[in-house]
Protein backbone atom coordinates (compact mmCIF):
# COMPACT_ATOMS: atom_id res chain seq x y z
CA MET A 1 57.70 115.35 201.64
CA LEU A 2 60.59 114.19 199.46
CA LEU A 3 59.79 116.66 196.68
CA ASP A 4 60.86 119.52 198.95
CA ARG A 5 64.45 118.32 198.59
CA PHE A 6 64.43 118.84 194.84
CA LEU A 7 61.83 121.53 194.10
CA PRO A 8 62.14 125.07 195.51
CA ARG A 9 58.44 125.43 194.72
CA ILE A 10 55.82 122.71 194.21
CA GLU A 11 52.46 124.47 193.69
CA PHE A 12 51.70 126.96 190.90
CA ASP A 13 48.79 129.28 190.17
CA SER A 14 48.65 128.91 186.38
CA TYR A 15 50.39 127.28 183.44
CA GLU A 16 52.21 130.57 182.81
CA ASP A 17 53.42 130.59 186.44
CA PHE A 18 54.46 126.93 186.10
CA LYS A 19 56.29 127.55 182.81
CA LYS A 20 58.16 130.56 184.13
CA ASN A 21 59.02 129.51 187.69
CA PHE A 22 59.37 125.72 187.85
CA LYS A 23 62.91 124.67 188.80
CA ILE A 24 64.65 121.44 189.83
CA ASN A 25 67.61 121.42 192.19
CA VAL A 26 69.90 118.54 191.22
CA PRO A 27 72.17 117.44 194.11
CA GLU A 28 75.73 116.86 192.90
CA ASN A 29 75.78 113.21 194.02
CA PHE A 30 72.10 112.43 193.40
CA ASN A 31 71.44 108.70 193.26
CA PHE A 32 67.87 107.42 192.91
CA GLY A 33 68.56 104.29 194.99
CA PHE A 34 69.86 106.12 198.03
CA ASP A 35 68.16 109.51 197.74
CA VAL A 36 64.67 108.28 196.88
CA VAL A 37 64.14 104.60 197.79
CA ASP A 38 66.26 104.62 200.96
CA ALA A 39 65.16 108.15 201.86
CA TRP A 40 61.50 107.06 201.92
CA ALA A 41 62.42 103.92 203.90
CA GLU A 42 64.17 106.03 206.53
CA SER A 43 61.51 108.73 206.84
CA GLU A 44 58.42 106.47 206.57
CA PRO A 45 59.38 102.81 207.14
CA GLU A 46 55.88 101.43 206.45
CA LYS A 47 55.25 103.48 203.30
CA LYS A 48 54.05 101.31 200.40
CA ALA A 49 56.12 101.33 197.23
CA LEU A 50 54.80 98.56 194.97
CA VAL A 51 51.68 96.43 194.62
CA TRP A 52 52.30 93.58 192.17
CA CYS A 53 50.05 90.88 190.74
CA ASP A 54 49.91 88.54 187.75
CA ASP A 55 47.45 86.33 185.85
CA HIS A 56 48.24 83.24 187.93
CA GLY A 57 47.16 84.33 191.40
CA GLY A 58 50.52 85.86 192.32
CA GLU A 59 50.34 88.95 194.49
CA LYS A 60 52.90 90.85 196.54
CA THR A 61 53.03 94.21 198.30
CA PHE A 62 56.35 95.90 199.06
CA THR A 63 57.18 98.83 201.31
CA PHE A 64 60.14 101.09 200.58
CA THR A 65 61.84 99.42 203.54
CA GLU A 66 61.51 96.05 201.80
CA ILE A 67 62.74 97.45 198.49
CA LYS A 68 65.73 98.93 200.34
CA ARG A 69 66.49 95.61 202.05
CA LEU A 70 66.15 93.49 198.89
CA SER A 71 68.07 95.95 196.72
CA ASN A 72 70.91 96.02 199.24
CA LYS A 73 71.13 92.23 199.19
CA THR A 74 71.02 92.31 195.39
CA ALA A 75 73.74 94.98 195.22
CA ASN A 76 75.98 92.88 197.46
CA PHE A 77 75.40 89.83 195.26
CA LEU A 78 76.08 91.73 192.05
CA ARG A 79 79.24 93.24 193.51
CA SER A 80 80.42 89.71 194.34
CA VAL A 81 80.22 88.75 190.64
CA GLY A 82 82.14 91.79 189.45
CA VAL A 83 79.44 94.41 188.92
CA LYS A 84 80.59 97.87 189.93
CA LYS A 85 80.36 101.49 188.81
CA GLY A 86 80.21 101.59 185.00
CA THR A 87 79.53 97.84 184.55
CA VAL A 88 76.79 97.23 181.98
CA VAL A 89 73.88 94.98 183.01
CA MET A 90 70.84 94.02 180.94
CA LEU A 91 67.49 93.26 182.55
CA ILE A 92 64.88 91.22 180.64
CA LEU A 93 62.25 90.92 183.35
CA ARG A 94 58.89 91.78 181.77
CA ARG A 95 56.83 93.22 184.68
CA ARG A 96 58.24 90.94 187.37
CA TRP A 97 58.61 92.61 190.78
CA GLU A 98 62.33 91.74 190.69
CA TYR A 99 62.84 94.51 188.10
CA TRP A 100 62.30 97.24 190.71
CA VAL A 101 64.70 95.51 193.13
CA CYS A 102 67.41 94.96 190.52
CA ALA A 103 67.12 98.45 189.04
CA THR A 104 67.45 100.04 192.48
CA ALA A 105 70.48 97.84 193.24
CA LEU A 106 72.17 98.73 189.96
CA HIS A 107 71.63 102.43 190.57
CA LYS A 108 73.18 102.12 194.05
CA LEU A 109 76.21 100.40 192.52
CA GLY A 110 76.55 103.02 189.79
CA ALA A 111 76.22 100.34 187.09
CA VAL A 112 74.74 101.07 183.66
CA LEU A 113 71.27 99.54 183.28
CA ILE A 114 69.97 98.39 179.89
CA PRO A 115 66.27 97.38 179.84
CA GLY A 116 65.45 94.65 177.32
CA SER A 117 62.13 93.41 175.95
CA LEU A 118 60.87 89.83 175.77
CA GLN A 119 60.94 89.99 171.98
CA LEU A 120 64.71 90.23 171.67
CA THR A 121 66.14 87.52 169.42
CA LYS A 122 69.65 86.08 169.38
CA LYS A 123 70.66 88.69 166.79
CA ASP A 124 69.27 91.52 168.95
CA ILE A 125 71.05 90.28 172.07
CA VAL A 126 74.37 89.83 170.24
CA TYR A 127 74.10 93.36 168.85
CA ARG A 128 73.21 94.89 172.22
CA GLY A 129 75.73 92.80 174.12
CA ASN A 130 78.64 93.79 171.91
CA SER A 131 77.61 97.39 171.28
CA ALA A 132 77.27 98.17 174.98
CA GLY A 133 79.67 95.60 176.47
CA VAL A 134 77.07 93.76 178.58
CA GLN A 135 78.70 91.90 181.53
CA THR A 136 75.61 90.44 183.24
CA VAL A 137 72.09 89.62 182.11
CA ILE A 138 69.18 89.03 184.49
CA CYS A 139 66.18 87.31 182.89
CA VAL A 140 62.64 86.25 183.57
CA ASN A 141 61.88 82.52 183.41
CA ASP A 142 60.63 82.52 179.82
CA SER A 143 61.59 79.72 177.44
CA PHE A 144 62.01 82.03 174.43
CA VAL A 145 64.13 84.55 176.33
CA ILE A 146 66.32 81.83 177.81
CA SER A 147 66.87 80.15 174.44
CA GLN A 148 67.85 83.41 172.75
CA VAL A 149 70.29 84.40 175.50
CA GLU A 150 71.91 80.96 175.46
CA ALA A 151 72.20 81.07 171.66
CA ALA A 152 73.80 84.53 171.83
CA GLU A 153 76.23 84.14 174.73
CA GLY A 154 79.03 82.52 172.70
CA GLU A 155 79.12 85.60 170.47
CA VAL A 156 79.21 88.14 173.33
CA PRO A 157 82.68 87.85 174.86
CA THR A 158 81.97 90.42 177.61
CA LEU A 159 79.07 88.38 179.03
CA GLN A 160 80.18 86.74 182.31
CA ASN A 161 76.98 86.13 184.30
CA LYS A 162 73.50 84.85 183.49
CA VAL A 163 70.94 85.20 186.29
CA LEU A 164 67.44 83.69 186.24
CA VAL A 165 64.52 84.70 188.44
CA GLN A 166 61.84 82.19 189.57
CA ASP A 167 63.59 78.98 188.55
CA HIS A 168 66.84 76.96 188.39
CA ARG A 169 68.69 76.04 185.21
CA GLU A 170 72.13 74.68 184.47
CA GLY A 171 74.58 77.42 183.54
CA TRP A 172 72.50 80.12 185.24
CA LEU A 173 72.66 81.64 188.72
CA ASN A 174 69.30 81.60 190.51
CA PHE A 175 68.38 85.09 191.72
CA GLY A 176 66.65 83.99 194.93
CA ASP A 177 69.52 81.70 195.95
CA ALA A 178 72.11 84.32 195.03
CA ILE A 179 70.72 87.05 197.30
CA GLU A 180 69.64 84.73 200.13
CA GLY A 181 72.82 84.89 202.18
CA GLN A 182 73.80 88.45 201.32
CA SER A 183 73.96 91.27 203.85
CA GLU A 184 71.00 93.61 204.15
CA ILE A 185 73.42 96.51 204.56
CA PHE A 186 74.97 98.21 201.54
CA GLU A 187 76.94 101.33 202.33
CA ARG A 188 76.85 104.19 199.88
CA PRO A 189 80.01 103.98 197.74
CA GLU A 190 82.63 106.68 198.21
CA GLY A 191 85.57 108.00 196.24
CA ILE A 192 85.86 106.85 192.64
CA GLU A 193 82.98 104.36 193.10
CA ALA A 194 80.55 107.12 194.14
CA THR A 195 78.12 108.41 191.51
CA ARG A 196 77.67 111.99 190.36
CA TRP A 197 74.54 113.35 188.71
CA ASP A 198 76.33 113.42 185.33
CA ASP A 199 77.54 109.78 185.34
CA ILE A 200 75.75 107.39 182.97
CA MET A 201 72.93 105.48 184.70
CA LEU A 202 70.74 104.04 181.95
CA VAL A 203 70.86 103.19 178.24
CA TYR A 204 67.79 102.65 176.07
CA PHE A 205 68.15 100.96 172.69
CA THR A 206 65.79 102.87 170.44
CA SER A 207 64.95 101.97 166.86
CA GLY A 208 64.76 104.57 164.11
CA THR A 209 63.49 104.25 160.58
CA THR A 210 66.99 103.43 159.28
CA GLY A 211 70.03 101.63 160.63
CA MET A 212 70.48 99.58 163.77
CA PRO A 213 69.01 100.68 167.13
CA LYS A 214 70.80 103.60 168.79
CA MET A 215 72.03 103.58 172.39
CA VAL A 216 70.37 106.57 174.08
CA GLN A 217 72.21 107.35 177.33
CA HIS A 218 70.82 109.06 180.43
CA ASN A 219 72.67 110.30 183.48
CA PHE A 220 71.81 109.96 187.18
CA ALA A 221 69.74 113.17 187.08
CA TYR A 222 67.31 111.55 184.63
CA PRO A 223 64.79 110.40 187.32
CA LEU A 224 64.41 114.00 188.51
CA GLY A 225 63.24 115.05 185.04
CA HIS A 226 60.31 112.68 185.48
CA ILE A 227 58.92 114.77 188.34
CA ILE A 228 57.17 116.69 185.55
CA THR A 229 55.93 113.43 184.02
CA ALA A 230 54.53 112.03 187.25
CA LYS A 231 53.29 114.98 189.30
CA TYR A 232 52.15 117.51 186.74
CA TRP A 233 51.01 115.33 183.81
CA GLN A 234 50.01 111.96 185.31
CA CYS A 235 48.96 113.81 188.49
CA VAL A 236 49.96 110.90 190.75
CA GLU A 237 48.84 111.10 194.37
CA GLU A 238 51.00 110.23 197.37
CA ASN A 239 50.18 106.81 198.87
CA LYS A 240 47.69 106.10 196.05
CA LEU A 241 48.08 103.54 193.27
CA HIS A 242 49.37 104.62 189.88
CA MET A 243 49.32 102.32 186.87
CA SER A 244 51.13 102.86 183.58
CA VAL A 245 50.77 99.97 181.16
CA SER A 246 54.25 99.09 179.90
CA ASP A 247 56.73 96.25 179.74
CA SER A 248 60.00 96.93 181.57
CA GLY A 249 61.94 96.73 178.31
CA TRP A 250 60.64 100.09 177.11
CA ALA A 251 61.31 103.71 178.03
CA LYS A 252 57.61 104.09 178.91
CA PHE A 253 58.39 101.98 181.99
CA GLY A 254 60.85 104.66 183.14
CA TRP A 255 58.19 107.25 182.42
CA GLY A 256 55.40 105.64 184.37
CA LYS A 257 56.43 102.79 186.63
CA ILE A 258 59.38 103.82 188.78
CA TYR A 259 61.19 107.17 188.79
CA GLY A 260 58.86 110.17 189.00
CA GLN A 261 56.17 108.14 190.72
CA TRP A 262 58.41 107.04 193.60
CA ILE A 263 59.92 110.51 193.96
CA CYS A 264 56.34 111.78 194.43
CA GLY A 265 55.55 109.04 196.95
CA ALA A 266 52.95 107.24 194.82
CA VAL A 267 52.47 103.46 194.99
CA ILE A 268 53.28 101.65 191.74
CA PHE A 269 50.60 99.17 190.67
CA ALA A 270 52.16 96.49 188.46
CA TYR A 271 49.99 93.97 186.64
CA ASP A 272 52.24 91.34 185.05
CA MET A 273 49.75 90.35 182.36
CA ASP A 274 50.46 87.45 180.00
CA LYS A 275 48.50 89.18 177.26
CA PHE A 276 46.45 92.36 177.03
CA ILE A 277 42.79 91.42 177.50
CA PRO A 278 40.61 94.54 177.93
CA LEU A 279 38.18 92.93 180.39
CA LYS A 280 40.99 91.67 182.63
CA LEU A 281 42.65 95.08 182.70
CA LEU A 282 39.38 96.77 183.64
CA GLU A 283 38.85 94.17 186.38
CA LYS A 284 42.31 94.81 187.87
CA ILE A 285 41.83 98.60 187.82
CA THR A 286 38.58 98.33 189.77
CA GLN A 287 39.71 95.50 192.06
CA TYR A 288 42.81 97.34 193.28
CA LYS A 289 41.27 100.82 193.02
CA VAL A 290 43.88 102.43 190.79
CA THR A 291 43.80 106.22 191.26
CA THR A 292 45.83 107.44 188.26
CA PHE A 293 46.12 105.53 185.00
CA CYS A 294 48.19 105.83 181.84
CA ALA A 295 48.05 103.62 178.73
CA PRO A 296 48.50 103.83 174.96
CA PRO A 297 45.43 104.98 172.96
CA THR A 298 45.21 101.48 171.46
CA MET A 299 44.27 100.06 174.86
CA PHE A 300 41.57 102.67 175.41
CA ARG A 301 40.16 101.86 171.96
CA PHE A 302 39.90 98.17 172.81
CA MET A 303 38.49 98.82 176.29
CA LEU A 304 35.80 100.92 174.63
CA GLN A 305 34.78 97.85 172.64
CA GLU A 306 33.67 96.36 175.99
CA ASP A 307 30.78 97.53 178.14
CA VAL A 308 32.77 99.98 180.26
CA THR A 309 29.62 101.00 182.17
CA THR A 310 29.60 97.66 184.02
CA PHE A 311 32.81 98.67 185.83
CA ASP A 312 33.00 101.14 188.68
CA LEU A 313 35.84 103.38 187.55
CA SER A 314 35.13 106.08 190.13
CA CYS A 315 38.45 105.14 191.80
CA ILE A 316 40.30 106.78 188.89
CA HIS A 317 40.94 110.49 189.35
CA HIS A 318 43.11 111.11 186.28
CA CYS A 319 43.81 109.37 182.94
CA CYS A 320 46.72 109.93 180.55
CA ILE A 321 47.74 108.55 177.17
CA ALA A 322 51.08 108.43 175.40
CA GLY A 323 52.83 106.41 172.73
CA GLU A 324 50.55 107.48 169.87
CA PRO A 325 48.47 110.62 169.29
CA LEU A 326 44.99 110.56 170.78
CA ASN A 327 42.13 110.46 168.30
CA PRO A 328 39.32 112.85 169.30
CA GLU A 329 36.71 110.11 168.93
CA VAL A 330 38.39 108.03 171.64
CA PHE A 331 38.58 111.10 173.90
CA LYS A 332 34.85 111.78 173.45
CA LYS A 333 33.71 108.20 174.00
CA TRP A 334 35.83 107.71 177.13
CA TYR A 335 34.59 111.02 178.56
CA GLU A 336 30.95 110.14 177.82
CA LEU A 337 31.26 106.77 179.59
CA THR A 338 33.50 107.71 182.54
CA GLY A 339 33.48 111.50 182.92
CA LEU A 340 37.30 111.39 182.65
CA GLU A 341 39.25 113.50 180.18
CA LEU A 342 42.23 111.77 178.58
CA CYS A 343 45.31 113.96 178.95
CA GLU A 344 47.74 113.36 176.13
CA GLY A 345 51.50 113.74 176.52
CA PHE A 346 54.36 113.64 174.05
CA GLY A 347 57.93 112.51 174.54
CA GLN A 348 60.56 110.00 173.52
CA SER A 349 63.11 107.57 174.92
CA GLU A 350 65.43 110.59 174.82
CA GLY A 351 63.71 112.37 177.70
CA PRO A 352 60.71 112.72 180.02
CA VAL A 353 57.45 114.28 178.88
CA LEU A 354 58.19 117.22 176.55
CA ILE A 355 54.67 118.46 175.75
CA ALA A 356 51.54 117.58 177.71
CA ASN A 357 48.10 118.55 178.91
CA PHE A 358 48.83 119.98 182.35
CA PRO A 359 46.23 120.66 185.09
CA TRP A 360 45.89 124.41 184.55
CA PHE A 361 44.09 124.16 181.20
CA ARG A 362 41.44 121.93 179.65
CA PRO A 363 42.70 119.33 177.19
CA ILE A 364 41.45 119.82 173.64
CA PRO A 365 40.69 116.49 171.91
CA GLY A 366 43.46 115.84 169.41
CA SER A 367 45.99 118.28 170.90
CA THR A 368 49.08 117.03 172.71
CA GLY A 369 49.06 120.10 174.99
CA LYS A 370 51.73 122.66 175.84
CA PRO A 371 55.51 122.48 176.51
CA SER A 372 57.09 121.32 179.75
CA PRO A 373 58.80 124.10 181.74
CA LEU A 374 62.03 122.08 181.75
CA TYR A 375 62.62 122.78 178.08
CA ASP A 376 62.65 125.60 175.56
CA ILE A 377 60.60 123.87 172.86
CA GLN A 378 60.07 125.44 169.47
CA LEU A 379 58.88 124.32 166.06
CA VAL A 380 61.52 124.85 163.37
CA ASP A 381 61.40 124.57 159.60
CA SER A 382 63.83 122.71 157.31
CA GLU A 383 66.26 125.65 157.44
CA GLY A 384 66.22 125.90 161.23
CA ASN A 385 63.98 128.97 161.43
CA VAL A 386 61.38 129.14 164.22
CA CYS A 387 57.89 128.60 162.84
CA GLU A 388 54.92 130.93 163.30
CA ASP A 389 51.58 129.79 164.72
CA GLY A 390 49.78 127.55 162.24
CA GLU A 391 52.97 126.57 160.42
CA GLU A 392 54.17 122.97 160.53
CA GLY A 393 57.67 122.32 161.83
CA THR A 394 59.80 119.76 163.58
CA ILE A 395 59.62 119.74 167.40
CA ALA A 396 62.98 120.99 168.66
CA VAL A 397 64.52 121.36 172.13
CA MET A 398 66.62 124.52 171.99
CA ASP A 399 70.02 125.29 173.56
CA VAL A 400 70.92 121.74 174.55
CA LYS A 401 74.69 122.12 174.04
CA HIS A 402 75.38 124.94 176.49
CA ASN A 403 72.45 124.39 178.85
CA PRO A 404 71.69 120.62 179.04
CA PRO A 405 68.20 120.30 180.55
CA THR A 406 67.49 117.88 183.40
CA GLY A 407 66.11 114.57 182.13
CA LEU A 408 67.10 114.94 178.47
CA PHE A 409 69.48 112.33 177.11
CA THR A 410 73.16 113.26 177.12
CA GLY A 411 74.12 111.50 173.91
CA TYR A 412 74.66 108.09 172.40
CA PHE A 413 76.56 105.55 174.49
CA LYS A 414 80.12 105.00 173.22
CA ASN A 415 79.45 107.15 170.15
CA PRO A 416 80.80 110.71 170.57
CA GLU A 417 80.51 111.44 166.84
CA MET A 418 76.77 110.74 166.74
CA THR A 419 76.35 112.62 170.05
CA GLU A 420 77.98 115.71 168.57
CA GLU A 421 75.90 115.44 165.42
CA LYS A 422 72.61 115.27 167.36
CA LEU A 423 73.34 117.51 170.36
CA GLY A 424 76.21 119.73 169.18
CA GLY A 425 74.13 122.28 167.28
CA LYS A 426 71.57 124.93 168.17
CA TYR A 427 68.88 122.43 169.08
CA TYR A 428 67.90 118.79 169.41
CA ASP A 429 65.67 117.77 166.50
CA THR A 430 63.13 115.18 167.72
CA GLY A 431 62.16 114.20 164.17
CA ASP A 432 58.47 114.73 164.97
CA VAL A 433 56.31 117.25 163.13
CA ALA A 434 53.63 119.42 164.74
CA TRP A 435 51.98 122.83 164.51
CA ARG A 436 50.97 125.29 167.24
CA ASP A 437 47.71 127.21 167.40
CA SER A 438 47.24 130.79 168.57
CA HIS A 439 46.48 129.62 172.14
CA GLY A 440 49.80 127.77 172.46
CA TYR A 441 48.43 124.25 172.02
CA PHE A 442 50.59 121.86 169.98
CA TRP A 443 49.00 119.54 167.39
CA PHE A 444 50.94 116.45 166.40
CA VAL A 445 51.20 115.72 162.66
CA GLY A 446 53.49 112.67 162.61
CA ARG A 447 57.05 111.49 162.35
CA ASN A 448 58.93 113.18 159.52
CA ASP A 449 59.01 109.80 157.79
CA ASP A 450 55.26 109.24 158.30
CA VAL A 451 54.13 112.46 156.61
CA ILE A 452 52.62 111.60 153.21
CA LYS A 453 53.49 113.69 150.14
CA CYS A 454 50.76 113.27 147.54
CA SER A 455 50.32 115.42 144.41
CA GLY A 456 52.07 118.35 146.09
CA TYR A 457 50.12 118.05 149.36
CA ARG A 458 51.62 117.19 152.76
CA ILE A 459 49.23 114.95 154.66
CA GLY A 460 49.73 113.98 158.32
CA PRO A 461 48.52 110.44 159.12
CA PHE A 462 46.99 111.35 162.46
CA GLU A 463 44.20 113.61 161.17
CA VAL A 464 43.11 111.01 158.60
CA GLU A 465 43.18 108.25 161.25
CA SER A 466 41.04 110.43 163.49
CA ALA A 467 38.51 110.89 160.69
CA MET A 468 38.40 107.15 160.00
CA LEU A 469 37.90 106.30 163.66
CA GLU A 470 34.76 108.41 163.82
CA HIS A 471 33.07 105.77 161.67
CA PRO A 472 31.48 102.96 163.76
CA ALA A 473 32.96 100.26 161.48
CA VAL A 474 36.56 101.17 162.37
CA VAL A 475 38.24 99.92 165.56
CA GLU A 476 41.82 100.71 164.54
CA CYS A 477 43.43 102.37 161.56
CA ALA A 478 46.95 103.09 160.32
CA ILE A 479 47.40 105.71 157.63
CA THR A 480 50.50 105.42 155.46
CA GLY A 481 51.74 106.52 152.07
CA ALA A 482 51.57 103.80 149.41
CA PRO A 483 53.64 104.04 146.21
CA ASP A 484 51.77 105.40 143.18
CA PRO A 485 53.28 105.81 139.68
CA ILE A 486 51.38 109.05 138.98
CA ARG A 487 51.09 110.84 142.33
CA GLY A 488 54.28 109.47 143.92
CA GLN A 489 52.30 108.48 147.00
CA VAL A 490 48.65 107.99 147.79
CA VAL A 491 46.96 107.77 151.16
CA LYS A 492 46.41 104.19 152.28
CA ALA A 493 44.31 103.06 155.25
CA THR A 494 45.00 99.72 156.91
CA VAL A 495 41.87 99.00 158.92
CA VAL A 496 40.73 96.67 161.72
CA LEU A 497 36.94 96.42 161.58
CA ALA A 498 34.48 96.30 164.46
CA ALA A 499 32.44 93.16 164.99
CA GLY A 500 29.63 92.77 162.49
CA TYR A 501 31.29 94.62 159.61
CA GLU A 502 32.86 93.14 156.47
CA GLY A 503 35.43 94.70 154.18
CA THR A 504 33.25 94.99 151.10
CA PRO A 505 33.69 97.41 148.17
CA GLU A 506 30.56 99.17 149.41
CA LEU A 507 32.10 99.74 152.86
CA THR A 508 35.31 100.98 151.23
CA LYS A 509 33.36 103.60 149.29
CA GLU A 510 31.40 104.54 152.41
CA LEU A 511 34.61 105.06 154.43
CA GLN A 512 36.18 107.14 151.65
CA ASN A 513 33.12 109.39 151.47
CA HIS A 514 33.07 109.65 155.25
CA VAL A 515 36.64 110.98 155.30
CA LYS A 516 35.82 113.45 152.53
CA ARG A 517 32.99 114.81 154.67
CA VAL A 518 34.90 115.23 157.95
CA THR A 519 38.26 116.49 156.67
CA ALA A 520 39.76 118.00 153.53
CA PRO A 521 38.62 115.81 150.59
CA TYR A 522 42.14 115.43 149.13
CA LYS A 523 43.15 113.50 152.27
CA TYR A 524 40.79 110.59 151.74
CA PRO A 525 42.40 107.10 151.51
CA ARG A 526 42.48 105.96 147.88
CA VAL A 527 43.54 102.50 149.08
CA ILE A 528 41.89 100.64 151.98
CA GLU A 529 43.15 97.27 153.20
CA TYR A 530 41.28 95.27 155.85
CA VAL A 531 43.33 93.26 158.37
CA LYS A 532 42.68 91.34 161.59
CA GLU A 533 45.31 93.30 163.53
CA LEU A 534 47.85 96.07 163.00
CA PRO A 535 51.58 95.48 163.50
CA LYS A 536 52.56 97.12 166.78
CA THR A 537 55.46 97.41 169.19
CA LEU A 538 55.07 96.04 172.74
CA GLY A 539 54.61 99.66 173.76
CA GLY A 540 51.48 99.88 171.60
CA LYS A 541 52.84 102.03 168.78
CA ILE A 542 51.71 101.19 165.27
CA LYS A 543 54.58 100.05 163.05
CA ARG A 544 53.76 102.22 160.03
CA ALA A 545 57.25 101.64 158.62
CA GLN A 546 56.50 97.90 158.43
CA ILE A 547 53.31 98.57 156.46
CA ARG A 548 55.17 100.92 154.11
CA ALA A 549 57.94 98.37 153.58
CA ALA A 550 55.44 95.64 152.71
CA ASP A 551 53.71 97.92 150.19
CA ALA A 552 57.03 98.92 148.62
CA ASN A 553 57.91 95.25 148.05
CA HIS A 554 54.62 94.41 146.30
C-alpha cells in the first residue's frame, strides 16, 4: 500500500487519537509524478487510475501504467519545446482526460502548473500570462477558449507555445501529433533539474473581494496534504470509483480529482459534462457505480428537485460537500431519501481540507466539523486573541511562519511582500468567520465581507439561508446586506423559487414570517428579490459580492 511510504500510522481509534498522532513523512525529493503515478504502475501494472466519459458517447479507462506511459511521452514533448524545471505552463482543459496526463508530465519536469477555467477572457489570460510568465498554454478544443487565447497572445511576450487537444488549427501544435513519436521513457531528472519537496509545483489564481486575483503557490509536498482530504474526509476506497464534481480550472479539482485520491489508490471517475443536468449526473453515478461522491451543496439541492428514489444509489458509501456551507434542510432531505449523511468540509485554494466531518463522530447538520490534525486551527478576534467557545472569530492557522504545515500554501508567486504580510505573523488569517461549540464542532458564519451589520447586530448569511430553505417554495437563496439609509444595512434575500410558486407580495410576507419563526426575528429579510438563477462561480459558490455590487449601484 502506497500510504505506508508516507504515513507512520494509517488507522486511528478516535478523533482525539487522530488529532494527536497523525503524521506525514515528506520525502526530501517527493514528486507526485514519479512517487505516486509511476510507483503504482511499477507495483501494480494493471491498477486502474481513471475512468472518463462525456456527454457525446466518449469513454476511456486508464491504468496507472498508461498514465505513466502517456505522461512520459508528454514530458519528452514539452521538454523539446523548452519546458523545464520552473517553466510556467497553463492548462485550460475542462475535464478532458488529457489534464491528468499533462499535469503528471509537468510535475515530472518540475514545471509550474497553472490551472485555468473555460471562462477566462482575453483580459484574464493577459493578466495571468504576464503576472506568472506563462511560456506554454495547453487548451481544450473550445471556440471561446481558442478565441480568447489568440486575442491575448500578442500581449503576453513570454508565451511561446500554444497546444490544442482533440483538433488541428493553424498556429497551434496538436497534442496527439506532438506526443506520437516521443519516447515512452522519461528518466527522473537529477542535479539542478531535480525537484525538492519545497520547490514550487502549482499556482492557483484566486479572486478576493478586492483587487486582482492573487497567485497562491504550492510546493511539491502539497499532494501529500490531501491525504487528509481523500482518505479521512472523502473516505475514498482503494480500487473503487471516486467522483468530485469540479472543472480542472479550480482548486476543488486538486482537492478531489487527482492528488489525495491517487495516493490512496482510488480510481478517479471523471464526467466531462457540457452542462450540469441533475438527472444526467444521477444516471452517471448509478451507471458507473460511484462509491464516494463529493459535490457543492447547490448540486444536491437541484438533485433533490428530481425523484431521487427512482435511482439506485446503494453504490455510494460516502457523500461529502464543500464550496458552500451545508444547509440543514438539504442534509435532512438527502438522508431521508438515501440514508447517506452529507459530510461537510471547509478549506480554500490555500490548502487541503482544514475542518471537516471525520469518520469518528456523527456530522451535525449545519456544522462544518472539527479541525484537521495537520493544522493548529483556532478562532481569533479582531485583536488576535483566541476566542472562547460560542464566540465568533476568524478561522486562523497558527504558527505558519516557523512550522509550515504540509499542504498549506507557501505564499504568493513572485510577491514576497504579500507573502510576508499574510504568512509572516503569528497565524494565517483565512478571512472566514465561525464559532465553536462546547463539543468542538465548528459552525461557519460567512466570509468577513459577507457578515451583515444591521442596527448593531452581526448577522451571518448562512443561518438565514438555512431558515429560508426550510420553506418548500425556496430552491436556492443568497442572503446579503443591502444598503439602507437608516440601518446602514438590511438583510436581503435573493431567491430562486420551486416550480409552482410565484413571487407575490403574499409569498414575501409568508417567507418573512417563516424566518421569524425558525430563527431570531431580527434576522428576517426585509427585502426579498425573486430571480431565475443565482450568480455562481463554476465551482458552485454563490457570488454574493456581485449581488451586493448590483444593489450598491441602484
